[in-house]
Amino acid sequence: MSKTLNIIGPGRAGRALGLVFHRAGLCTVQDLLGAEFATAQSAAEFIGSGHAVRRLGDMRAADFWMLTPPDGAIASMATALAATGAVRAGDIVFHCSGAQPASILAPLAAAGARVASVHPLKSFADPDRAAQSFAGTWCTAEGDAAALAVLQPLFGQLGARMAVIDPAGKTLYHAASVMVCNDLTALMEAGLRAYAGAGLYRATAQAMMEPLVRETLDNVFALGTVRALTGPVARGDAVVVARQLDALAALDPHIADAYRALNAIALDLARAQGGAAGTALDAVADVLHRDQKQ
């Protein structure tokens, strides 16, 4: 008999993962609860399985409970769910937050559930695309050994690659994930705004930057960050860096601050490359830090 899965918080991640489970046939998606009833209804339609409910107390018992609400709601949801008595001893309850530890589900563990956290390191901007491309996704997991003994092979059957993480490191892990995903998106927007300041139409700028961005990413993963770095900082060209910093400051001080902070890290990479003279790189450092010295 198929295992049952309840989903609480079926937003973009919840509905994408629900669809992955449903298509794999590993679990029967059963009850879905959202902040709004319409959210749960649309999630059930998207997944092609499941029954939307209006209240937590309407959810039936299930073998698996997946919690994908906003991070700040997980603790209160765990407390409320434990109070319903719907979670049975031995049921597996897991959340998918990369920032919160599995221990935030303590009220459910006290009720006898096996609890864990499984965080897919993936963008869920488009749930359908995320579900289609889920195979090969890295997922970090931590929690009860008994829960992980079931969840790790289960996600493995979905095509995920699993890594165990120390819950003490999750804040830095999630911050790193934010920087390389969410902040990368913000960096692309900053670049588009600078291109617009140079007089380029947004659509043209986006088309122009796409091959450059993709080639850069390919180089990073093929060569590593030190060898992949090019540009004025790598060359130790302090004059160009100063002119660019001034132009960005005139356009948008926030973009200039981002340029300064990122190029301070690029300077570390340039020193590791060893291609530019140390005095030239020192001059770049002076430019990047000049405002802080005033």
C-alpha atoms as a PDB file:
ATOM      1  CA  MET A   1       0.000   0.000   0.000  1.00  0.00           C
ATOM      2  CA  SER A   2       1.380   3.451  -0.966  1.00  0.00           C
ATOM      3  CA  LYS A   3       2.625   5.719   1.786  1.00  0.00           C
ATOM      4  CA  THR A   4       0.654   8.929   2.308  1.00  0.00           C
ATOM      5  CA  LEU A   5       2.082  12.451   2.307  1.00  0.00           C
ATOM      6  CA  ASN A   6       0.504  15.578   3.791  1.00  0.00           C
ATOM      7  CA  ILE A   7       1.834  18.994   2.812  1.00  0.00           C
ATOM      8  CA  ILE A   8       1.577  22.095   4.985  1.00  0.00           C
ATOM      9  CA  GLY A   9       2.487  25.336   3.221  1.00  0.00           C
ATOM     10  CA  PRO A  10       2.179  24.337  -0.460  1.00  0.00           C
ATOM     11  CA  GLY A  11       3.848  27.372  -1.973  1.00  0.00           C
ATOM     12  CA  ARG A  12       6.333  27.155  -4.808  1.00  0.00           C
ATOM     13  CA  ALA A  13       8.666  24.669  -3.097  1.00  0.00           C
ATOM     14  CA  GLY A  14       5.848  22.641  -1.575  1.00  0.00           C
ATOM     15  CA  ARG A  15       3.929  22.194  -4.780  1.00  0.00           C
ATOM     16  CA  ALA A  16       7.067  21.435  -6.806  1.00  0.00           C
ATOM     17  CA  LEU A  17       8.149  18.738  -4.360  1.00  0.00           C
ATOM     18  CA  GLY A  18       4.584  17.432  -4.159  1.00  0.00           C
ATOM     19  CA  LEU A  19       4.578  17.058  -7.937  1.00  0.00           C
ATOM     20  CA  VAL A  20       7.920  15.245  -7.840  1.00  0.00           C
ATOM     21  CA  PHE A  21       6.610  12.781  -5.239  1.00  0.00           C
ATOM     22  CA  HIS A  22       3.360  12.290  -7.141  1.00  0.00           C
ATOM     23  CA  ARG A  23       5.038  11.654 -10.501  1.00  0.00           C
ATOM     24  CA  ALA A  24       7.488   9.219  -8.935  1.00  0.00           C
ATOM     25  CA  GLY A  25       4.635   7.250  -7.411  1.00  0.00           C
ATOM     26  CA  LEU A  26       6.504   6.910  -4.132  1.00  0.00           C
ATOM     27  CA  CYS A  27       3.804   8.551  -2.017  1.00  0.00           C
ATOM     28  CA  THR A  28       0.158   9.413  -2.365  1.00  0.00           C
ATOM     29  CA  VAL A  29      -0.253  13.146  -1.841  1.00  0.00           C
ATOM     30  CA  GLN A  30      -3.175  13.288   0.552  1.00  0.00           C
ATOM     31  CA  ASP A  31      -4.079  16.537   2.373  1.00  0.00           C
ATOM     32  CA  LEU A  32      -2.791  20.043   1.660  1.00  0.00           C
ATOM     33  CA  LEU A  33      -3.106  23.066   3.931  1.00  0.00           C
ATOM     34  CA  GLY A  34      -2.140  26.581   2.878  1.00  0.00           C
ATOM     35  CA  ALA A  35      -2.363  30.017   4.415  1.00  0.00           C
ATOM     36  CA  GLU A  36      -5.421  30.446   2.181  1.00  0.00           C
ATOM     37  CA  PHE A  37      -7.800  27.684   1.105  1.00  0.00           C
ATOM     38  CA  ALA A  38      -7.411  28.798  -2.510  1.00  0.00           C
ATOM     39  CA  THR A  39      -3.659  28.241  -2.241  1.00  0.00           C
ATOM     40  CA  ALA A  40      -4.169  24.629  -1.195  1.00  0.00           C
ATOM     41  CA  GLN A  41      -6.761  24.126  -3.929  1.00  0.00           C
ATOM     42  CA  SER A  42      -4.465  25.438  -6.658  1.00  0.00           C
ATOM     43  CA  ALA A  43      -1.602  23.316  -5.296  1.00  0.00           C
ATOM     44  CA  ALA A  44      -3.737  20.172  -5.459  1.00  0.00           C
ATOM     45  CA  GLU A  45      -4.648  21.018  -9.061  1.00  0.00           C
ATOM     46  CA  PHE A  46      -1.005  21.674  -9.919  1.00  0.00           C
ATOM     47  CA  ILE A  47       0.182  18.409  -8.342  1.00  0.00           C
ATOM     48  CA  GLY A  48      -2.693  16.404  -9.796  1.00  0.00           C
ATOM     49  CA  SER A  49      -3.326  14.762  -6.443  1.00  0.00           C
ATOM     50  CA  GLY A  50      -4.371  15.685  -2.929  1.00  0.00           C
ATOM     51  CA  HIS A  51      -7.284  17.215  -1.079  1.00  0.00           C
ATOM     52  CA  ALA A  52      -7.269  20.839   0.057  1.00  0.00           C
ATOM     53  CA  VAL A  53      -8.358  21.398   3.655  1.00  0.00           C
ATOM     54  CA  ARG A  54      -9.327  24.583   5.459  1.00  0.00           C
ATOM     55  CA  ARG A  55      -7.979  23.896   8.949  1.00  0.00           C
ATOM     56  CA  LEU A  56      -5.086  22.024  10.510  1.00  0.00           C
ATOM     57  CA  GLY A  57      -7.546  19.878  12.435  1.00  0.00           C
ATOM     58  CA  ASP A  58      -9.050  18.644   9.155  1.00  0.00           C
ATOM     59  CA  MET A  59      -5.864  16.894   8.085  1.00  0.00           C
ATOM     60  CA  ARG A  60      -5.902  13.118   8.228  1.00  0.00           C
ATOM     61  CA  ALA A  61      -3.141  10.923   9.608  1.00  0.00           C
ATOM     62  CA  ALA A  62      -0.274  10.365   7.159  1.00  0.00           C
ATOM     63  CA  ASP A  63       2.992   8.479   6.993  1.00  0.00           C
ATOM     64  CA  PHE A  64       4.900  11.597   5.941  1.00  0.00           C
ATOM     65  CA  TRP A  65       4.288  15.242   6.805  1.00  0.00           C
ATOM     66  CA  MET A  66       6.191  17.814   4.735  1.00  0.00           C
ATOM     67  CA  LEU A  67       6.292  21.354   6.124  1.00  0.00           C
ATOM     68  CA  THR A  68       7.123  24.043   3.567  1.00  0.00           C
ATOM     69  CA  PRO A  69       5.666  27.259   5.018  1.00  0.00           C
ATOM     70  CA  PRO A  70       7.812  30.409   5.431  1.00  0.00           C
ATOM     71  CA  ASP A  71      10.714  29.743   7.797  1.00  0.00           C
ATOM     72  CA  GLY A  72       9.255  31.938  10.519  1.00  0.00           C
ATOM     73  CA  ALA A  73       6.062  29.870  10.646  1.00  0.00           C
ATOM     74  CA  ILE A  74       7.633  26.432  11.093  1.00  0.00           C
ATOM     75  CA  ALA A  75       7.975  26.518  14.889  1.00  0.00           C
ATOM     76  CA  SER A  76       4.411  27.645  15.528  1.00  0.00           C
ATOM     77  CA  MET A  77       3.116  25.174  12.953  1.00  0.00           C
ATOM     78  CA  ALA A  78       4.965  22.327  14.657  1.00  0.00           C
ATOM     79  CA  THR A  79       3.417  23.266  17.993  1.00  0.00           C
ATOM     80  CA  ALA A  80      -0.077  23.541  16.505  1.00  0.00           C
ATOM     81  CA  LEU A  81       0.262  20.290  14.580  1.00  0.00           C
ATOM     82  CA  ALA A  82       1.419  18.415  17.672  1.00  0.00           C
ATOM     83  CA  ALA A  83      -1.611  19.728  19.547  1.00  0.00           C
ATOM     84  CA  THR A  84      -4.021  18.204  17.008  1.00  0.00           C
ATOM     85  CA  GLY A  85      -2.872  14.675  17.791  1.00  0.00           C
ATOM     86  CA  ALA A  86      -2.965  13.839  14.085  1.00  0.00           C
ATOM     87  CA  VAL A  87       0.726  12.909  13.983  1.00  0.00           C
ATOM     88  CA  ARG A  88       1.234   9.366  15.217  1.00  0.00           C
ATOM     89  CA  ALA A  89       4.252   7.848  16.899  1.00  0.00           C
ATOM     90  CA  GLY A  90       6.641   6.741  14.179  1.00  0.00           C
ATOM     91  CA  ASP A  91       5.322   9.136  11.519  1.00  0.00           C
ATOM     92  CA  ILE A  92       8.013  11.128   9.742  1.00  0.00           C
ATOM     93  CA  VAL A  93       7.732  14.918   9.841  1.00  0.00           C
ATOM     94  CA  PHE A  94      10.274  16.987   7.927  1.00  0.00           C
ATOM     95  CA  HIS A  95      10.633  20.595   6.919  1.00  0.00           C
ATOM     96  CA  CYS A  96      12.472  21.890   3.874  1.00  0.00           C
ATOM     97  CA  SER A  97      14.104  25.012   5.296  1.00  0.00           C
ATOM     98  CA  GLY A  98      17.791  25.523   4.743  1.00  0.00           C
ATOM     99  CA  ALA A  99      17.992  28.002   7.618  1.00  0.00           C
ATOM    100  CA  GLN A 100      16.127  26.206  10.417  1.00  0.00           C
ATOM    101  CA  PRO A 101      17.335  23.047  12.203  1.00  0.00           C
ATOM    102  CA  ALA A 102      15.251  19.906  12.498  1.00  0.00           C
ATOM    103  CA  SER A 103      15.128  20.521  16.265  1.00  0.00           C
ATOM    104  CA  ILE A 104      12.544  23.239  15.613  1.00  0.00           C
ATOM    105  CA  LEU A 105      10.117  20.322  15.241  1.00  0.00           C
ATOM    106  CA  ALA A 106      10.692  19.326  18.901  1.00  0.00           C
ATOM    107  CA  PRO A 107       6.956  19.372  19.845  1.00  0.00           C
ATOM    108  CA  LEU A 108       6.333  16.703  17.220  1.00  0.00           C
ATOM    109  CA  ALA A 109       9.345  14.678  18.330  1.00  0.00           C
ATOM    110  CA  ALA A 110       7.935  14.783  21.843  1.00  0.00           C
ATOM    111  CA  ALA A 111       4.732  13.302  20.441  1.00  0.00           C
ATOM    112  CA  GLY A 112       6.685  10.365  19.047  1.00  0.00           C
ATOM    113  CA  ALA A 113       7.294  11.516  15.478  1.00  0.00           C
ATOM    114  CA  ARG A 114      10.623  11.062  13.732  1.00  0.00           C
ATOM    115  CA  VAL A 115      11.719  14.531  12.638  1.00  0.00           C
ATOM    116  CA  ALA A 116      14.241  15.855  10.146  1.00  0.00           C
ATOM    117  CA  SER A 117      15.086  18.657   7.762  1.00  0.00           C
ATOM    118  CA  VAL A 118      15.692  18.098   4.046  1.00  0.00           C
ATOM    119  CA  HIS A 119      16.654  21.217   2.105  1.00  0.00           C
ATOM    120  CA  PRO A 120      16.807  21.001  -1.705  1.00  0.00           C
ATOM    121  CA  LEU A 121      19.536  23.344  -2.932  1.00  0.00           C
ATOM    122  CA  LYS A 122      17.424  24.516  -5.834  1.00  0.00           C
ATOM    123  CA  SER A 123      15.578  27.561  -7.121  1.00  0.00           C
ATOM    124  CA  PHE A 124      11.819  27.111  -7.070  1.00  0.00           C
ATOM    125  CA  ALA A 125      11.011  30.298  -8.966  1.00  0.00           C
ATOM    126  CA  ASP A 126       9.019  28.198 -11.449  1.00  0.00           C
ATOM    127  CA  PRO A 127       7.553  25.114  -9.681  1.00  0.00           C
ATOM    128  CA  ASP A 128       6.888  23.227 -12.905  1.00  0.00           C
ATOM    129  CA  ARG A 129      10.431  23.718 -14.202  1.00  0.00           C
ATOM    130  CA  ALA A 130      11.830  22.880 -10.762  1.00  0.00           C
ATOM    131  CA  ALA A 131       9.888  19.625 -10.678  1.00  0.00           C
ATOM    132  CA  GLN A 132      10.931  18.717 -14.213  1.00  0.00           C
ATOM    133  CA  SER A 133      14.621  19.263 -13.421  1.00  0.00           C
ATOM    134  CA  PHE A 134      14.659  17.899  -9.863  1.00  0.00           C
ATOM    135  CA  ALA A 135      16.778  14.836 -10.673  1.00  0.00           C
ATOM    136  CA  GLY A 136      20.375  15.583  -9.706  1.00  0.00           C
ATOM    137  CA  THR A 137      19.451  18.237  -7.146  1.00  0.00           C
ATOM    138  CA  TRP A 138      21.628  18.328  -4.040  1.00  0.00           C
ATOM    139  CA  CYS A 139      19.693  18.107  -0.767  1.00  0.00           C
ATOM    140  CA  THR A 140      21.185  18.686   2.680  1.00  0.00           C
ATOM    141  CA  ALA A 141      19.664  16.681   5.505  1.00  0.00           C
ATOM    142  CA  GLU A 142      19.892  16.490   9.280  1.00  0.00           C
ATOM    143  CA  GLY A 143      17.694  15.256  12.107  1.00  0.00           C
ATOM    144  CA  ASP A 144      16.729  11.988  13.769  1.00  0.00           C
ATOM    145  CA  ALA A 145      18.761   9.049  12.538  1.00  0.00           C
ATOM    146  CA  ALA A 146      15.570   7.007  12.156  1.00  0.00           C
ATOM    147  CA  ALA A 147      14.003   9.716   9.993  1.00  0.00           C
ATOM    148  CA  LEU A 148      17.104  10.127   7.849  1.00  0.00           C
ATOM    149  CA  ALA A 149      17.322   6.371   7.342  1.00  0.00           C
ATOM    150  CA  VAL A 150      14.006   6.631   5.497  1.00  0.00           C
ATOM    151  CA  LEU A 151      14.216  10.083   3.921  1.00  0.00           C
ATOM    152  CA  GLN A 152      17.693   9.815   2.401  1.00  0.00           C
ATOM    153  CA  PRO A 153      16.899   6.769   0.253  1.00  0.00           C
ATOM    154  CA  LEU A 154      13.435   8.174  -0.480  1.00  0.00           C
ATOM    155  CA  PHE A 155      14.863  11.405  -1.886  1.00  0.00           C
ATOM    156  CA  GLY A 156      17.521   9.323  -3.593  1.00  0.00           C
ATOM    157  CA  GLN A 157      14.735   7.534  -5.478  1.00  0.00           C
ATOM    158  CA  LEU A 158      13.554  10.957  -6.631  1.00  0.00           C
ATOM    159  CA  GLY A 159      16.990  11.502  -8.175  1.00  0.00           C
ATOM    160  CA  ALA A 160      18.353  13.757  -5.435  1.00  0.00           C
ATOM    161  CA  ARG A 161      21.964  13.712  -4.287  1.00  0.00           C
ATOM    162  CA  MET A 162      22.136  13.778  -0.507  1.00  0.00           C
ATOM    163  CA  ALA A 163      24.584  15.419   1.889  1.00  0.00           C
ATOM    164  CA  VAL A 164      24.364  15.367   5.674  1.00  0.00           C
ATOM    165  CA  ILE A 165      24.916  18.748   7.339  1.00  0.00           C
ATOM    166  CA  ASP A 166      25.668  19.727  10.930  1.00  0.00           C
ATOM    167  CA  PRO A 167      22.718  21.822  12.131  1.00  0.00           C
ATOM    168  CA  ALA A 168      25.185  24.200  13.808  1.00  0.00           C
ATOM    169  CA  GLY A 169      26.406  25.229  10.366  1.00  0.00           C
ATOM    170  CA  LYS A 170      23.033  25.790   8.748  1.00  0.00           C
ATOM    171  CA  THR A 171      22.993  29.575   9.122  1.00  0.00           C
ATOM    172  CA  LEU A 172      26.247  29.941   7.178  1.00  0.00           C
ATOM    173  CA  TYR A 173      25.179  27.231   4.732  1.00  0.00           C
ATOM    174  CA  HIS A 174      21.944  29.045   4.014  1.00  0.00           C
ATOM    175  CA  ALA A 175      23.698  32.413   3.794  1.00  0.00           C
ATOM    176  CA  ALA A 176      26.048  30.918   1.208  1.00  0.00           C
ATOM    177  CA  SER A 177      23.067  29.580  -0.720  1.00  0.00           C
ATOM    178  CA  VAL A 178      21.420  33.007  -0.618  1.00  0.00           C
ATOM    179  CA  MET A 179      24.557  34.648  -1.993  1.00  0.00           C
ATOM    180  CA  VAL A 180      25.048  32.275  -4.911  1.00  0.00           C
ATOM    181  CA  CYS A 181      21.347  32.138  -5.819  1.00  0.00           C
ATOM    182  CA  ASN A 182      19.217  35.057  -4.615  1.00  0.00           C
ATOM    183  CA  ASP A 183      22.050  37.579  -4.527  1.00  0.00           C
ATOM    184  CA  LEU A 184      23.257  36.394  -7.919  1.00  0.00           C
ATOM    185  CA  THR A 185      19.830  37.381  -9.224  1.00  0.00           C
ATOM    186  CA  ALA A 186      20.185  40.772  -7.530  1.00  0.00           C
ATOM    187  CA  LEU A 187      23.671  41.138  -9.041  1.00  0.00           C
ATOM    188  CA  MET A 188      22.241  40.528 -12.509  1.00  0.00           C
ATOM    189  CA  GLU A 189      19.671  43.251 -11.821  1.00  0.00           C
ATOM    190  CA  ALA A 190      22.419  45.627 -10.705  1.00  0.00           C
ATOM    191  CA  GLY A 191      24.234  44.937 -13.965  1.00  0.00           C
ATOM    192  CA  LEU A 192      21.067  45.596 -15.976  1.00  0.00           C
ATOM    193  CA  ARG A 193      20.596  48.929 -14.212  1.00  0.00           C
ATOM    194  CA  ALA A 194      24.201  49.909 -14.980  1.00  0.00           C
ATOM    195  CA  TYR A 195      23.728  48.916 -18.619  1.00  0.00           C
ATOM    196  CA  ALA A 196      20.587  51.085 -18.671  1.00  0.00           C
ATOM    197  CA  GLY A 197      22.655  53.949 -17.270  1.00  0.00           C
ATOM    198  CA  ALA A 198      24.988  53.463 -20.214  1.00  0.00           C
ATOM    199  CA  GLY A 199      22.044  53.909 -22.570  1.00  0.00           C
ATOM    200  CA  LEU A 200      21.281  50.305 -23.490  1.00  0.00           C
ATOM    201  CA  TYR A 201      17.720  49.026 -23.668  1.00  0.00           C
ATOM    202  CA  ARG A 202      17.010  46.409 -21.003  1.00  0.00           C
ATOM    203  CA  ALA A 203      16.113  43.660 -23.482  1.00  0.00           C
ATOM    204  CA  THR A 204      19.293  44.309 -25.461  1.00  0.00           C
ATOM    205  CA  ALA A 205      21.406  44.365 -22.315  1.00  0.00           C
ATOM    206  CA  GLN A 206      19.904  41.100 -21.084  1.00  0.00           C
ATOM    207  CA  ALA A 207      20.605  39.431 -24.426  1.00  0.00           C
ATOM    208  CA  MET A 208      24.177  40.779 -24.402  1.00  0.00           C
ATOM    209  CA  MET A 209      24.984  39.663 -20.878  1.00  0.00           C
ATOM    210  CA  GLU A 210      23.572  36.138 -21.140  1.00  0.00           C
ATOM    211  CA  PRO A 211      26.502  34.534 -23.003  1.00  0.00           C
ATOM    212  CA  LEU A 212      28.998  36.391 -20.803  1.00  0.00           C
ATOM    213  CA  VAL A 213      27.314  35.213 -17.598  1.00  0.00           C
ATOM    214  CA  ARG A 214      26.985  31.632 -18.818  1.00  0.00           C
ATOM    215  CA  GLU A 215      30.611  31.519 -19.980  1.00  0.00           C
ATOM    216  CA  THR A 216      31.754  32.931 -16.643  1.00  0.00           C
ATOM    217  CA  LEU A 217      29.830  30.270 -14.726  1.00  0.00           C
ATOM    218  CA  ASP A 218      31.261  27.572 -16.983  1.00  0.00           C
ATOM    219  CA  ASN A 219      34.769  28.875 -16.284  1.00  0.00           C
ATOM    220  CA  VAL A 220      34.199  28.994 -12.516  1.00  0.00           C
ATOM    221  CA  PHE A 221      33.121  25.357 -12.406  1.00  0.00           C
ATOM    222  CA  ALA A 222      35.722  24.176 -14.896  1.00  0.00           C
ATOM    223  CA  LEU A 223      38.717  26.181 -13.670  1.00  0.00           C
ATOM    224  CA  GLY A 224      37.874  27.334 -10.133  1.00  0.00           C
ATOM    225  CA  THR A 225      37.362  30.915  -8.997  1.00  0.00           C
ATOM    226  CA  VAL A 226      41.038  31.918  -8.966  1.00  0.00           C
ATOM    227  CA  ARG A 227      41.723  30.969 -12.580  1.00  0.00           C
ATOM    228  CA  ALA A 228      38.303  32.134 -13.805  1.00  0.00           C
ATOM    229  CA  LEU A 229      38.806  35.732 -12.648  1.00  0.00           C
ATOM    230  CA  THR A 230      39.487  38.248 -15.415  1.00  0.00           C
ATOM    231  CA  GLY A 231      39.004  41.996 -15.736  1.00  0.00           C
ATOM    232  CA  PRO A 232      40.518  45.171 -14.292  1.00  0.00           C
ATOM    233  CA  VAL A 233      41.069  43.892 -10.759  1.00  0.00           C
ATOM    234  CA  ALA A 234      42.837  40.777 -12.034  1.00  0.00           C
ATOM    235  CA  ARG A 235      45.059  43.040 -14.166  1.00  0.00           C
ATOM    236  CA  GLY A 236      45.701  45.447 -11.295  1.00  0.00           C
ATOM    237  CA  ASP A 237      44.230  48.340 -13.275  1.00  0.00           C
ATOM    238  CA  ALA A 238      43.467  50.810 -10.475  1.00  0.00           C
ATOM    239  CA  VAL A 239      42.661  53.659 -12.886  1.00  0.00           C
ATOM    240  CA  VAL A 240      39.826  51.729 -14.526  1.00  0.00           C
ATOM    241  CA  VAL A 241      38.504  50.522 -11.172  1.00  0.00           C
ATOM    242  CA  ALA A 242      38.434  54.107  -9.880  1.00  0.00           C
ATOM    243  CA  ARG A 243      36.595  55.396 -12.956  1.00  0.00           C
ATOM    244  CA  GLN A 244      34.033  52.598 -12.757  1.00  0.00           C
ATOM    245  CA  LEU A 245      33.488  53.141  -9.066  1.00  0.00           C
ATOM    246  CA  ASP A 246      32.902  56.866  -9.596  1.00  0.00           C
ATOM    247  CA  ALA A 247      30.462  56.223 -12.447  1.00  0.00           C
ATOM    248  CA  LEU A 248      28.501  53.700 -10.409  1.00  0.00           C
ATOM    249  CA  ALA A 249      28.398  56.008  -7.389  1.00  0.00           C
ATOM    250  CA  ALA A 250      26.862  58.711  -9.573  1.00  0.00           C
ATOM    251  CA  LEU A 251      24.310  56.227 -10.924  1.00  0.00           C
ATOM    252  CA  ASP A 252      23.358  54.443  -7.696  1.00  0.00           C
ATOM    253  CA  PRO A 253      25.364  54.390  -4.435  1.00  0.00           C
ATOM    254  CA  HIS A 254      24.010  50.936  -3.560  1.00  0.00           C
ATOM    255  CA  ILE A 255      25.372  49.479  -6.796  1.00  0.00           C
ATOM    256  CA  ALA A 256      28.698  51.200  -6.113  1.00  0.00           C
ATOM    257  CA  ASP A 257      28.780  49.620  -2.653  1.00  0.00           C
ATOM    258  CA  ALA A 258      28.137  46.202  -4.181  1.00  0.00           C
ATOM    259  CA  TYR A 259      30.922  46.784  -6.723  1.00  0.00           C
ATOM    260  CA  ARG A 260      33.320  47.767  -3.957  1.00  0.00           C
ATOM    261  CA  ALA A 261      32.473  44.775  -1.734  1.00  0.00           C
ATOM    262  CA  LEU A 262      32.625  42.208  -4.529  1.00  0.00           C
ATOM    263  CA  ASN A 263      35.867  43.538  -5.922  1.00  0.00           C
ATOM    264  CA  ALA A 264      37.471  43.362  -2.495  1.00  0.00           C
ATOM    265  CA  ILE A 265      36.933  39.599  -2.788  1.00  0.00           C
ATOM    266  CA  ALA A 266      38.071  39.684  -6.423  1.00  0.00           C
ATOM    267  CA  LEU A 267      41.269  41.322  -5.154  1.00  0.00           C
ATOM    268  CA  ASP A 268      41.934  38.271  -2.962  1.00  0.00           C
ATOM    269  CA  LEU A 269      41.535  36.086  -6.050  1.00  0.00           C
ATOM    270  CA  ALA A 270      43.845  38.348  -8.048  1.00  0.00           C
ATOM    271  CA  ARG A 271      46.560  38.064  -5.404  1.00  0.00           C
ATOM    272  CA  ALA A 272      46.153  34.276  -5.492  1.00  0.00           C
ATOM    273  CA  GLN A 273      46.511  34.331  -9.293  1.00  0.00           C
ATOM    274  CA  GLY A 274      49.858  36.097  -9.038  1.00  0.00           C
ATOM    275  CA  GLY A 275      49.577  37.594 -12.502  1.00  0.00           C
ATOM    276  CA  ALA A 276      49.556  41.287 -11.589  1.00  0.00           C
ATOM    277  CA  ALA A 277      52.299  43.083  -9.707  1.00  0.00           C
ATOM    278  CA  GLY A 278      51.762  43.450  -5.981  1.00  0.00           C
ATOM    279  CA  THR A 279      52.110  47.230  -6.188  1.00  0.00           C
ATOM    280  CA  ALA A 280      49.362  47.378  -8.822  1.00  0.00           C
ATOM    281  CA  LEU A 281      47.045  45.311  -6.660  1.00  0.00           C
ATOM    282  CA  ASP A 282      47.864  47.523  -3.662  1.00  0.00           C
ATOM    283  CA  ALA A 283      46.750  50.495  -5.748  1.00  0.00           C
ATOM    284  CA  VAL A 284      43.453  48.742  -6.477  1.00  0.00           C
ATOM    285  CA  ALA A 285      43.016  48.127  -2.758  1.00  0.00           C
ATOM    286  CA  ASP A 286      43.562  51.832  -2.074  1.00  0.00           C
ATOM    287  CA  VAL A 287      40.845  52.724  -4.583  1.00  0.00           C
ATOM    288  CA  LEU A 288      38.380  50.250  -3.106  1.00  0.00           C
ATOM    289  CA  HIS A 289      38.979  51.528   0.414  1.00  0.00           C
ATOM    290  CA  ARG A 290      39.359  55.233  -0.288  1.00  0.00           C
ATOM    291  CA  ASP A 291      35.873  56.235   0.905  1.00  0.00           C
ATOM    292  CA  GLN A 292      36.327  54.393   4.194  1.00  0.00           C
ATOM    293  CA  LYS A 293      39.568  56.339   4.804  1.00  0.00           C
ATOM    294  CA  GLN A 294      37.920  59.735   4.462  1.00  0.00           C
END
